[in-house]
Amino acid sequence: MQALHLTESRKSLWFWPGVTLFATALFFFAWAVLISGQDWLGQAIWGTLAAALALVFLAMAARNSHRALRSAG
């Protein structure tokens, strides 16, 4: 198994949308905590959805950079 080169994954088209979605997920989770006395389930669901999609995008970025490193070397 080869090491991940995260500096290369930043060049991928998938990386920055993944980071943005991860930040959005953190926002939704923080919002859910802030309104925990009220109806927070919607924010938790949107946070989970955004986090799952962010993980898919970041995995695609890592895979894309791994493929680029393999073809360059």
N, C-alpha and C. Protein backbone atom coordinates (compact mmCIF):
# COMPACT_ATOMS: atom_id res chain seq x y z
N MET A 1 0.84 -1.18 0.00
CA MET A 1 0.00 0.00 0.00
C MET A 1 0.88 1.24 0.00
N GLN A 2 0.59 2.15 -0.90
CA GLN A 2 1.40 3.36 -1.02
C GLN A 2 0.86 4.45 -0.11
N ALA A 3 1.76 5.34 0.29
CA ALA A 3 1.37 6.46 1.16
C ALA A 3 0.55 7.48 0.38
N LEU A 4 -0.37 8.12 1.07
CA LEU A 4 -1.15 9.19 0.45
C LEU A 4 -0.32 10.47 0.41
N HIS A 5 -0.37 11.15 -0.70
CA HIS A 5 0.29 12.44 -0.84
C HIS A 5 -0.81 13.50 -0.86
N LEU A 6 -1.10 14.04 0.30
CA LEU A 6 -2.21 14.98 0.39
C LEU A 6 -1.94 16.28 -0.33
N THR A 7 -0.67 16.64 -0.52
CA THR A 7 -0.38 17.87 -1.28
C THR A 7 -0.82 17.71 -2.73
N GLU A 8 -0.74 16.51 -3.25
CA GLU A 8 -1.20 16.27 -4.62
C GLU A 8 -2.73 16.25 -4.71
N SER A 9 -3.39 15.86 -3.64
CA SER A 9 -4.85 15.79 -3.71
C SER A 9 -5.48 17.18 -3.73
N ARG A 10 -4.76 18.19 -3.26
CA ARG A 10 -5.29 19.56 -3.32
C ARG A 10 -5.43 20.06 -4.75
N LYS A 11 -4.74 19.44 -5.68
CA LYS A 11 -4.84 19.84 -7.09
C LYS A 11 -6.05 19.21 -7.78
N SER A 12 -6.70 18.28 -7.11
CA SER A 12 -7.83 17.58 -7.70
C SER A 12 -9.08 18.47 -7.71
N LEU A 13 -9.92 18.25 -8.69
CA LEU A 13 -11.18 18.99 -8.76
C LEU A 13 -12.14 18.60 -7.64
N TRP A 14 -11.93 17.45 -7.03
CA TRP A 14 -12.82 16.97 -5.98
C TRP A 14 -12.47 17.52 -4.60
N PHE A 15 -11.25 18.02 -4.42
CA PHE A 15 -10.78 18.37 -3.09
C PHE A 15 -11.52 19.57 -2.49
N TRP A 16 -11.56 20.69 -3.18
CA TRP A 16 -12.15 21.90 -2.58
C TRP A 16 -13.66 21.80 -2.39
N PRO A 17 -14.42 21.18 -3.30
CA PRO A 17 -15.84 20.96 -2.97
C PRO A 17 -16.00 20.06 -1.74
N GLY A 18 -15.12 19.08 -1.59
CA GLY A 18 -15.17 18.22 -0.41
C GLY A 18 -14.89 18.98 0.87
N VAL A 19 -13.90 19.85 0.84
CA VAL A 19 -13.57 20.67 2.01
C VAL A 19 -14.73 21.61 2.34
N THR A 20 -15.32 22.20 1.31
CA THR A 20 -16.45 23.10 1.51
C THR A 20 -17.64 22.37 2.12
N LEU A 21 -17.92 21.19 1.61
CA LEU A 21 -19.03 20.40 2.18
C LEU A 21 -18.74 19.97 3.60
N PHE A 22 -17.47 19.67 3.90
CA PHE A 22 -17.12 19.29 5.26
C PHE A 22 -17.31 20.48 6.21
N ALA A 23 -16.95 21.68 5.76
CA ALA A 23 -17.18 22.88 6.57
C ALA A 23 -18.68 23.13 6.76
N THR A 24 -19.47 22.87 5.72
CA THR A 24 -20.92 23.01 5.82
C THR A 24 -21.48 22.00 6.83
N ALA A 25 -20.95 20.79 6.81
CA ALA A 25 -21.40 19.77 7.77
C ALA A 25 -21.08 20.21 9.20
N LEU A 26 -19.89 20.75 9.40
CA LEU A 26 -19.53 21.25 10.73
C LEU A 26 -20.48 22.37 11.17
N PHE A 27 -20.84 23.24 10.23
CA PHE A 27 -21.79 24.31 10.54
C PHE A 27 -23.14 23.73 10.98
N PHE A 28 -23.64 22.75 10.24
CA PHE A 28 -24.92 22.15 10.59
C PHE A 28 -24.87 21.45 11.95
N PHE A 29 -23.77 20.75 12.23
CA PHE A 29 -23.65 20.09 13.53
C PHE A 29 -23.57 21.11 14.66
N ALA A 30 -22.83 22.20 14.44
CA ALA A 30 -22.75 23.25 15.47
C ALA A 30 -24.10 23.91 15.67
N TRP A 31 -24.84 24.10 14.60
CA TRP A 31 -26.17 24.70 14.69
C TRP A 31 -27.10 23.77 15.46
N ALA A 32 -27.00 22.47 15.20
CA ALA A 32 -27.83 21.50 15.92
C ALA A 32 -27.53 21.53 17.41
N VAL A 33 -26.26 21.69 17.77
CA VAL A 33 -25.90 21.76 19.18
C VAL A 33 -26.45 23.05 19.80
N LEU A 34 -26.37 24.15 19.07
CA LEU A 34 -26.87 25.42 19.59
C LEU A 34 -28.37 25.42 19.84
N ILE A 35 -29.10 24.72 19.00
CA ILE A 35 -30.56 24.69 19.18
C ILE A 35 -31.02 23.35 19.73
N SER A 36 -30.18 22.72 20.53
CA SER A 36 -30.49 21.37 21.01
C SER A 36 -31.76 21.32 21.85
N GLY A 37 -32.20 22.45 22.39
CA GLY A 37 -33.45 22.47 23.14
C GLY A 37 -34.67 22.50 22.24
N GLN A 38 -34.46 22.76 20.95
CA GLN A 38 -35.57 22.85 19.99
C GLN A 38 -35.49 21.67 19.03
N ASP A 39 -36.02 21.86 17.85
CA ASP A 39 -36.01 20.80 16.84
C ASP A 39 -34.68 20.81 16.10
N TRP A 40 -33.75 19.98 16.53
CA TRP A 40 -32.40 19.96 16.00
C TRP A 40 -32.17 18.82 15.02
N LEU A 41 -33.13 17.93 14.88
CA LEU A 41 -32.94 16.74 14.07
C LEU A 41 -32.69 17.07 12.59
N GLY A 42 -33.35 18.08 12.08
CA GLY A 42 -33.14 18.46 10.67
C GLY A 42 -31.70 18.89 10.41
N GLN A 43 -31.13 19.69 11.32
CA GLN A 43 -29.75 20.13 11.15
C GLN A 43 -28.79 18.94 11.25
N ALA A 44 -29.08 18.01 12.14
CA ALA A 44 -28.23 16.82 12.27
C ALA A 44 -28.29 15.96 11.01
N ILE A 45 -29.47 15.85 10.42
CA ILE A 45 -29.61 15.06 9.19
C ILE A 45 -28.86 15.72 8.05
N TRP A 46 -29.03 17.06 7.89
CA TRP A 46 -28.30 17.76 6.83
C TRP A 46 -26.79 17.72 7.07
N GLY A 47 -26.38 17.80 8.32
CA GLY A 47 -24.96 17.69 8.64
C GLY A 47 -24.40 16.33 8.28
N THR A 48 -25.16 15.28 8.57
CA THR A 48 -24.73 13.93 8.22
C THR A 48 -24.65 13.74 6.71
N LEU A 49 -25.64 14.25 6.00
CA LEU A 49 -25.64 14.16 4.54
C LEU A 49 -24.45 14.90 3.95
N ALA A 50 -24.19 16.12 4.44
CA ALA A 50 -23.06 16.90 3.93
C ALA A 50 -21.74 16.23 4.27
N ALA A 51 -21.63 15.65 5.46
CA ALA A 51 -20.38 14.97 5.85
C ALA A 51 -20.15 13.73 4.98
N ALA A 52 -21.19 12.98 4.71
CA ALA A 52 -21.05 11.78 3.88
C ALA A 52 -20.63 12.15 2.46
N LEU A 53 -21.26 13.19 1.91
CA LEU A 53 -20.90 13.63 0.57
C LEU A 53 -19.49 14.19 0.54
N ALA A 54 -19.09 14.90 1.60
CA ALA A 54 -17.73 15.43 1.68
C ALA A 54 -16.71 14.30 1.71
N LEU A 55 -17.01 13.24 2.45
CA LEU A 55 -16.09 12.11 2.50
C LEU A 55 -15.95 11.44 1.14
N VAL A 56 -17.03 11.37 0.39
CA VAL A 56 -16.97 10.80 -0.95
C VAL A 56 -16.09 11.68 -1.84
N PHE A 57 -16.28 13.00 -1.78
CA PHE A 57 -15.48 13.91 -2.59
C PHE A 57 -14.00 13.85 -2.21
N LEU A 58 -13.70 13.79 -0.91
CA LEU A 58 -12.31 13.73 -0.48
C LEU A 58 -11.68 12.40 -0.86
N ALA A 59 -12.45 11.33 -0.82
CA ALA A 59 -11.93 10.04 -1.27
C ALA A 59 -11.66 10.06 -2.77
N MET A 60 -12.53 10.70 -3.52
CA MET A 60 -12.30 10.83 -4.96
C MET A 60 -11.05 11.66 -5.24
N ALA A 61 -10.82 12.71 -4.45
CA ALA A 61 -9.62 13.53 -4.63
C ALA A 61 -8.37 12.73 -4.33
N ALA A 62 -8.40 11.93 -3.27
CA ALA A 62 -7.25 11.10 -2.93
C ALA A 62 -7.00 10.06 -4.02
N ARG A 63 -8.06 9.47 -4.51
CA ARG A 63 -7.93 8.47 -5.58
C ARG A 63 -7.40 9.09 -6.86
N ASN A 64 -7.89 10.29 -7.17
CA ASN A 64 -7.46 10.99 -8.37
C ASN A 64 -5.99 11.37 -8.28
N SER A 65 -5.55 11.83 -7.11
CA SER A 65 -4.14 12.21 -6.96
C SER A 65 -3.25 10.97 -6.97
N HIS A 66 -3.74 9.87 -6.40
CA HIS A 66 -2.98 8.63 -6.41
C HIS A 66 -2.79 8.14 -7.84
N ARG A 67 -3.86 8.25 -8.63
CA ARG A 67 -3.79 7.84 -10.04
C ARG A 67 -2.84 8.74 -10.80
N ALA A 68 -2.85 10.06 -10.52
CA ALA A 68 -1.96 10.99 -11.21
C ALA A 68 -0.50 10.72 -10.86
N LEU A 69 -0.25 10.39 -9.59
CA LEU A 69 1.13 10.07 -9.18
C LEU A 69 1.62 8.79 -9.84
N ARG A 70 0.73 7.83 -9.97
CA ARG A 70 1.09 6.55 -10.58
C ARG A 70 1.41 6.72 -12.06
N SER A 71 0.63 7.57 -12.75
CA SER A 71 0.87 7.76 -14.19
C SER A 71 2.09 8.65 -14.45
N ALA A 72 2.41 9.54 -13.50
CA ALA A 72 3.59 10.42 -13.67
C ALA A 72 4.88 9.70 -13.35
N GLY A 73 4.81 8.71 -12.45
CA GLY A 73 6.04 8.05 -12.01
C GLY A 73 6.23 6.79 -12.71
